[in-house]
Amino acid sequence: MHTQEFVQNEIQVADHLKNNQLLCLPKYVLEENDYTFMIYEEKKNEKNLLQLVNKYKCFKEDIAREIFRRMVQCVLECHKNNVIHRDIKLPAFYVNEETLDVTLGDLRHASILSSKDQQVKDRRGSPAYVSPEIIRGTPFDGQKSDCWSLGIVLYTMIFGSFPFNGQNPKELFQQILKQEPVLSQNVSSQLVSLLSELLQKDPKKRISLKAVLKHPWLASDTQNEDQIVPNF
C-alpha cells in the first residue's frame, strides 16, 4: 500500500468502528487537492506506550497488569467487530498517565474480515512484533497473530527490551521462528505463564484474547481496578 491507500484504509476501518471509546479514531477527515487529512483529538495527560517505556524503562507488575488488561479489551473490541489490527506495537496504544485509561490507534494496516474464521495471506506489521506465521508466509489467523504482538508488547513493558533482538531482519526473523524468549526469575510465575502462552509459536496452541482476560495474572485484583493509583 502507498501512503494515501493507508489513509483511506484507516478511514474505512474507523467508519466501521465509529463511536467506539476504546479506539483512537479521527475526529475529522478533510480532503484537499488529492490529499486526505485525518485530525485527532489531543487528550490531556495521554502519551503513547513507547514514550512511557522510554521514560520508565520497566513497569511494575501491578501497573503493567492494569494497563495490559485495558489493552486487551481494546484489541478484543476490534475482534468483536471482525477487525484485525495487524500492526500492534507500543506506539499504537495511548495511555493516560493519571487514570491508566487506554485507547488503541494506528489502524492503517487493519483489515475488516468477512467472517471471524477468515484467514489472511499478505504480510503487514512492524518487524519486531510480527508473529512466526507471518514470517512463514502461509495463510494465518489474524486474531491469533494480534495476540502474539500483544505478547511482545507486554514483554517489553516488563523487561524494557524486546524478546528478540536480531541485528538485521533476517537474524530477527530466525530468532522469532526458532528461539524461545528469556523469561526472568524476577517476575511472578503467573506472568511467566501468560507470556509463554502469548508467545507460543504454534498459533493453534496460542492463547486467545478471551482466555487472556481470564488468565490468573490478569484476573487477580480486578475488584481494585478503579482504585489503582499510578506509581511507575
Protein backbone atom coordinates (compact mmCIF):
# COMPACT_ATOMS: atom_id res chain seq x y z
CA MET A 1 0.00 0.00 0.00
CA HIS A 2 1.04 3.58 -0.66
CA THR A 3 0.56 6.36 1.91
CA GLN A 4 -2.82 7.50 0.58
CA GLU A 5 -4.04 3.90 0.45
CA PHE A 6 -3.11 3.51 4.13
CA VAL A 7 -5.03 6.69 4.90
CA GLN A 8 -8.10 5.50 3.01
CA ASN A 9 -7.88 2.11 4.70
CA GLU A 10 -7.77 3.73 8.15
CA ILE A 11 -10.79 5.89 7.28
CA GLN A 12 -12.72 2.80 6.15
CA VAL A 13 -11.84 0.86 9.31
CA ALA A 14 -12.59 3.89 11.51
CA ASP A 15 -16.03 4.21 9.92
CA HIS A 16 -16.64 0.52 10.59
CA LEU A 17 -15.69 1.02 14.27
CA LYS A 18 -17.15 4.51 14.71
CA ASN A 19 -18.15 5.89 18.12
CA ASN A 20 -16.00 3.36 19.97
CA GLN A 21 -14.49 4.87 23.12
CA LEU A 22 -11.70 2.28 23.33
CA LEU A 23 -10.23 3.26 19.98
CA CYS A 24 -8.37 6.37 18.88
CA LEU A 25 -10.31 7.33 15.75
CA PRO A 26 -10.06 10.50 13.65
CA LYS A 27 -12.39 13.27 14.77
CA TYR A 28 -12.41 14.96 11.39
CA VAL A 29 -11.43 13.89 7.87
CA LEU A 30 -10.58 16.64 5.38
CA GLU A 31 -9.83 16.30 1.68
CA GLU A 32 -7.91 18.91 -0.28
CA ASN A 33 -6.02 18.78 -3.59
CA ASP A 34 -5.95 14.98 -3.84
CA TYR A 35 -4.78 14.70 -0.23
CA THR A 36 -6.70 13.39 2.75
CA PHE A 37 -6.04 14.68 6.27
CA MET A 38 -7.15 12.97 9.46
CA ILE A 39 -7.45 15.13 12.58
CA TYR A 40 -7.38 13.55 16.02
CA GLU A 41 -8.40 14.96 19.36
CA GLU A 42 -5.48 15.59 21.71
CA LYS A 43 -6.17 14.32 25.22
CA LYS A 44 -4.65 15.68 28.40
CA ASN A 45 -2.02 13.53 30.19
CA GLU A 46 -2.03 10.99 27.35
CA LYS A 47 1.16 9.53 25.86
CA ASN A 48 1.79 6.60 23.61
CA LEU A 49 3.11 3.49 25.28
CA LEU A 50 6.52 3.71 23.61
CA GLN A 51 7.03 7.12 25.22
CA LEU A 52 6.18 5.64 28.63
CA VAL A 53 8.51 2.67 28.18
CA ASN A 54 11.31 5.03 27.18
CA LYS A 55 10.52 7.17 30.24
CA TYR A 56 10.15 4.45 32.89
CA LYS A 57 12.12 1.57 31.24
CA CYS A 58 10.19 -1.16 33.07
CA PHE A 59 6.73 -1.26 34.61
CA LYS A 60 5.88 -2.75 37.98
CA GLU A 61 3.63 -5.77 37.59
CA ASP A 62 0.58 -4.16 39.20
CA ILE A 63 0.73 -1.18 36.85
CA ALA A 64 1.50 -3.35 33.81
CA ARG A 65 -1.46 -5.57 34.73
CA GLU A 66 -3.95 -2.68 34.73
CA ILE A 67 -2.62 -1.20 31.50
CA PHE A 68 -2.41 -4.56 29.72
CA ARG A 69 -5.93 -5.59 30.75
CA ARG A 70 -7.25 -2.44 29.11
CA MET A 71 -5.06 -3.00 26.05
CA VAL A 72 -6.55 -6.46 25.61
CA GLN A 73 -10.05 -5.00 25.90
CA CYS A 74 -9.21 -2.53 23.11
CA VAL A 75 -7.98 -5.25 20.74
CA LEU A 76 -10.88 -7.52 21.68
CA GLU A 77 -13.27 -4.73 20.71
CA CYS A 78 -11.72 -4.76 17.23
CA HIS A 79 -12.02 -8.54 17.00
CA LYS A 80 -15.67 -8.46 18.09
CA ASN A 81 -16.31 -6.26 15.06
CA ASN A 82 -14.38 -8.58 12.69
CA VAL A 83 -11.41 -6.23 12.53
CA ILE A 84 -7.82 -7.40 12.98
CA HIS A 85 -5.30 -4.68 13.79
CA ARG A 86 -2.22 -6.24 12.12
CA ASP A 87 0.27 -3.71 13.47
CA ILE A 88 0.02 -3.90 17.25
CA LYS A 89 3.06 -2.23 18.80
CA LEU A 90 3.98 0.06 21.69
CA PRO A 91 3.22 3.37 19.93
CA ALA A 92 -0.22 2.14 18.80
CA PHE A 93 -1.52 2.40 22.38
CA TYR A 94 -2.24 5.68 24.16
CA VAL A 95 -2.22 5.72 27.96
CA ASN A 96 -3.45 8.38 30.36
CA GLU A 97 -0.70 8.60 32.98
CA GLU A 98 -3.16 9.65 35.70
CA THR A 99 -6.03 7.21 35.17
CA LEU A 100 -4.29 4.45 33.14
CA ASP A 101 -7.13 4.61 30.61
CA VAL A 102 -6.01 3.11 27.29
CA THR A 103 -7.05 3.66 23.69
CA LEU A 104 -5.80 1.87 20.57
CA GLY A 105 -4.94 3.73 17.38
CA ASP A 106 -2.87 3.43 14.19
CA LEU A 107 -5.38 1.41 12.17
CA ARG A 108 -3.62 1.94 8.83
CA HIS A 109 -2.81 -1.76 8.39
CA ALA A 110 -6.06 -3.10 9.87
CA SER A 111 -8.34 -5.42 7.90
CA ILE A 112 -12.08 -5.92 8.06
CA LEU A 113 -12.82 -9.63 7.79
CA SER A 114 -15.83 -11.09 6.03
CA SER A 115 -16.10 -13.65 8.84
CA LYS A 116 -14.35 -14.43 12.12
CA ASP A 117 -12.81 -17.54 10.56
CA GLN A 118 -11.34 -15.80 7.52
CA GLN A 119 -7.60 -16.28 7.18
CA VAL A 120 -5.26 -13.66 5.73
CA LYS A 121 -2.23 -14.08 3.49
CA ASP A 122 -0.47 -10.75 2.95
CA ARG A 123 2.31 -9.64 5.30
CA ARG A 124 1.87 -6.49 7.35
CA GLY A 125 3.24 -5.19 10.64
CA SER A 126 6.43 -3.98 12.29
CA PRO A 127 9.37 -6.45 12.23
CA ALA A 128 9.95 -6.79 15.99
CA TYR A 129 6.26 -7.56 16.61
CA VAL A 130 5.36 -9.93 13.75
CA SER A 131 4.29 -13.47 14.53
CA PRO A 132 6.04 -16.63 13.29
CA GLU A 133 3.16 -17.44 10.94
CA ILE A 134 3.53 -14.09 9.16
CA ILE A 135 7.21 -14.85 8.56
CA ARG A 136 6.37 -18.31 7.22
CA GLY A 137 4.16 -16.71 4.58
CA THR A 138 1.27 -19.17 4.85
CA PRO A 139 -2.40 -18.18 5.40
CA PHE A 140 -2.94 -17.42 9.08
CA ASP A 141 -5.45 -16.45 11.77
CA GLY A 142 -5.18 -12.66 12.13
CA GLN A 143 -6.64 -12.65 15.63
CA LYS A 144 -4.03 -15.08 16.91
CA SER A 145 -1.32 -13.02 15.21
CA ASP A 146 -2.58 -9.94 17.08
CA CYS A 147 -2.26 -11.98 20.30
CA TRP A 148 1.43 -12.67 19.57
CA SER A 149 2.07 -8.95 19.06
CA LEU A 150 0.38 -8.20 22.38
CA GLY A 151 2.80 -10.67 23.98
CA ILE A 152 5.74 -8.74 22.52
CA VAL A 153 4.31 -5.50 23.91
CA LEU A 154 3.77 -6.98 27.38
CA TYR A 155 7.27 -8.47 27.46
CA THR A 156 8.76 -5.10 26.56
CA MET A 157 6.70 -3.30 29.22
CA ILE A 158 8.02 -5.67 31.89
CA PHE A 159 11.64 -6.13 30.86
CA GLY A 160 12.35 -2.89 28.99
CA SER A 161 13.62 -4.65 25.86
CA PHE A 162 12.30 -6.81 23.04
CA PRO A 163 12.38 -10.59 23.49
CA PHE A 164 14.02 -10.96 20.06
CA ASN A 165 16.84 -8.59 19.13
CA GLY A 166 18.36 -9.63 15.81
CA GLN A 167 20.86 -7.19 14.29
CA ASN A 168 19.08 -7.33 10.92
CA PRO A 169 15.67 -8.54 9.66
CA LYS A 170 16.97 -11.98 8.65
CA GLU A 171 18.52 -12.62 12.08
CA LEU A 172 15.46 -11.19 13.84
CA PHE A 173 13.05 -13.41 11.91
CA GLN A 174 15.17 -16.51 12.59
CA GLN A 175 15.04 -15.74 16.30
CA ILE A 176 11.25 -15.29 16.18
CA LEU A 177 10.90 -18.64 14.40
CA LYS A 178 13.36 -20.72 16.45
CA GLN A 179 14.43 -19.00 19.68
CA GLU A 180 12.50 -19.03 22.94
CA PRO A 181 12.26 -15.72 24.84
CA VAL A 182 14.20 -15.41 28.08
CA LEU A 183 11.75 -15.09 30.97
CA SER A 184 13.39 -13.71 34.10
CA GLN A 185 13.03 -15.32 37.52
CA ASN A 186 12.36 -11.84 38.91
CA VAL A 187 8.71 -11.79 37.85
CA SER A 188 5.74 -13.78 39.09
CA SER A 189 5.12 -17.31 37.85
CA GLN A 190 1.66 -16.22 36.66
CA LEU A 191 3.20 -13.56 34.43
CA VAL A 192 5.72 -16.06 33.05
CA SER A 193 2.80 -18.36 32.27
CA LEU A 194 0.88 -15.66 30.40
CA LEU A 195 3.90 -14.54 28.39
CA SER A 196 4.65 -18.15 27.46
CA GLU A 197 1.09 -18.65 26.22
CA LEU A 198 1.07 -15.39 24.24
CA LEU A 199 4.48 -16.07 22.68
CA GLN A 200 3.56 -19.63 21.72
CA LYS A 201 4.97 -20.17 18.22
CA ASP A 202 2.16 -22.51 17.17
CA PRO A 203 -0.89 -20.25 16.64
CA LYS A 204 -3.25 -23.19 17.21
CA LYS A 205 -1.86 -23.55 20.73
CA ARG A 206 -1.57 -19.80 21.39
CA ILE A 207 -3.94 -18.34 23.96
CA SER A 208 -6.99 -16.41 22.72
CA LEU A 209 -7.85 -12.89 23.87
CA LYS A 210 -10.92 -14.05 25.77
CA ALA A 211 -8.74 -16.58 27.60
CA VAL A 212 -6.15 -13.88 28.29
CA LEU A 213 -8.71 -11.87 30.28
CA LYS A 214 -9.44 -14.98 32.37
CA HIS A 215 -5.75 -15.80 32.94
CA PRO A 216 -4.79 -15.78 36.66
CA TRP A 217 -2.29 -12.93 36.17
CA LEU A 218 -4.97 -10.64 34.72
CA ALA A 219 -7.93 -11.96 36.67
CA SER A 220 -6.36 -11.02 40.02
CA ASP A 221 -7.16 -7.70 41.69
CA THR A 222 -9.98 -6.85 39.29
CA GLN A 223 -12.05 -5.61 42.19
CA ASN A 224 -9.47 -2.89 42.85
CA GLU A 225 -9.03 -1.87 39.23
CA ASP A 226 -10.65 1.57 39.68
CA GLN A 227 -8.65 2.25 42.84
CA ILE A 228 -5.19 1.84 41.32
CA VAL A 229 -3.04 4.94 41.78
CA PRO A 230 -0.35 5.03 39.07
CA ASN A 231 3.13 4.56 40.53
CA PHE A 232 5.54 3.54 37.83
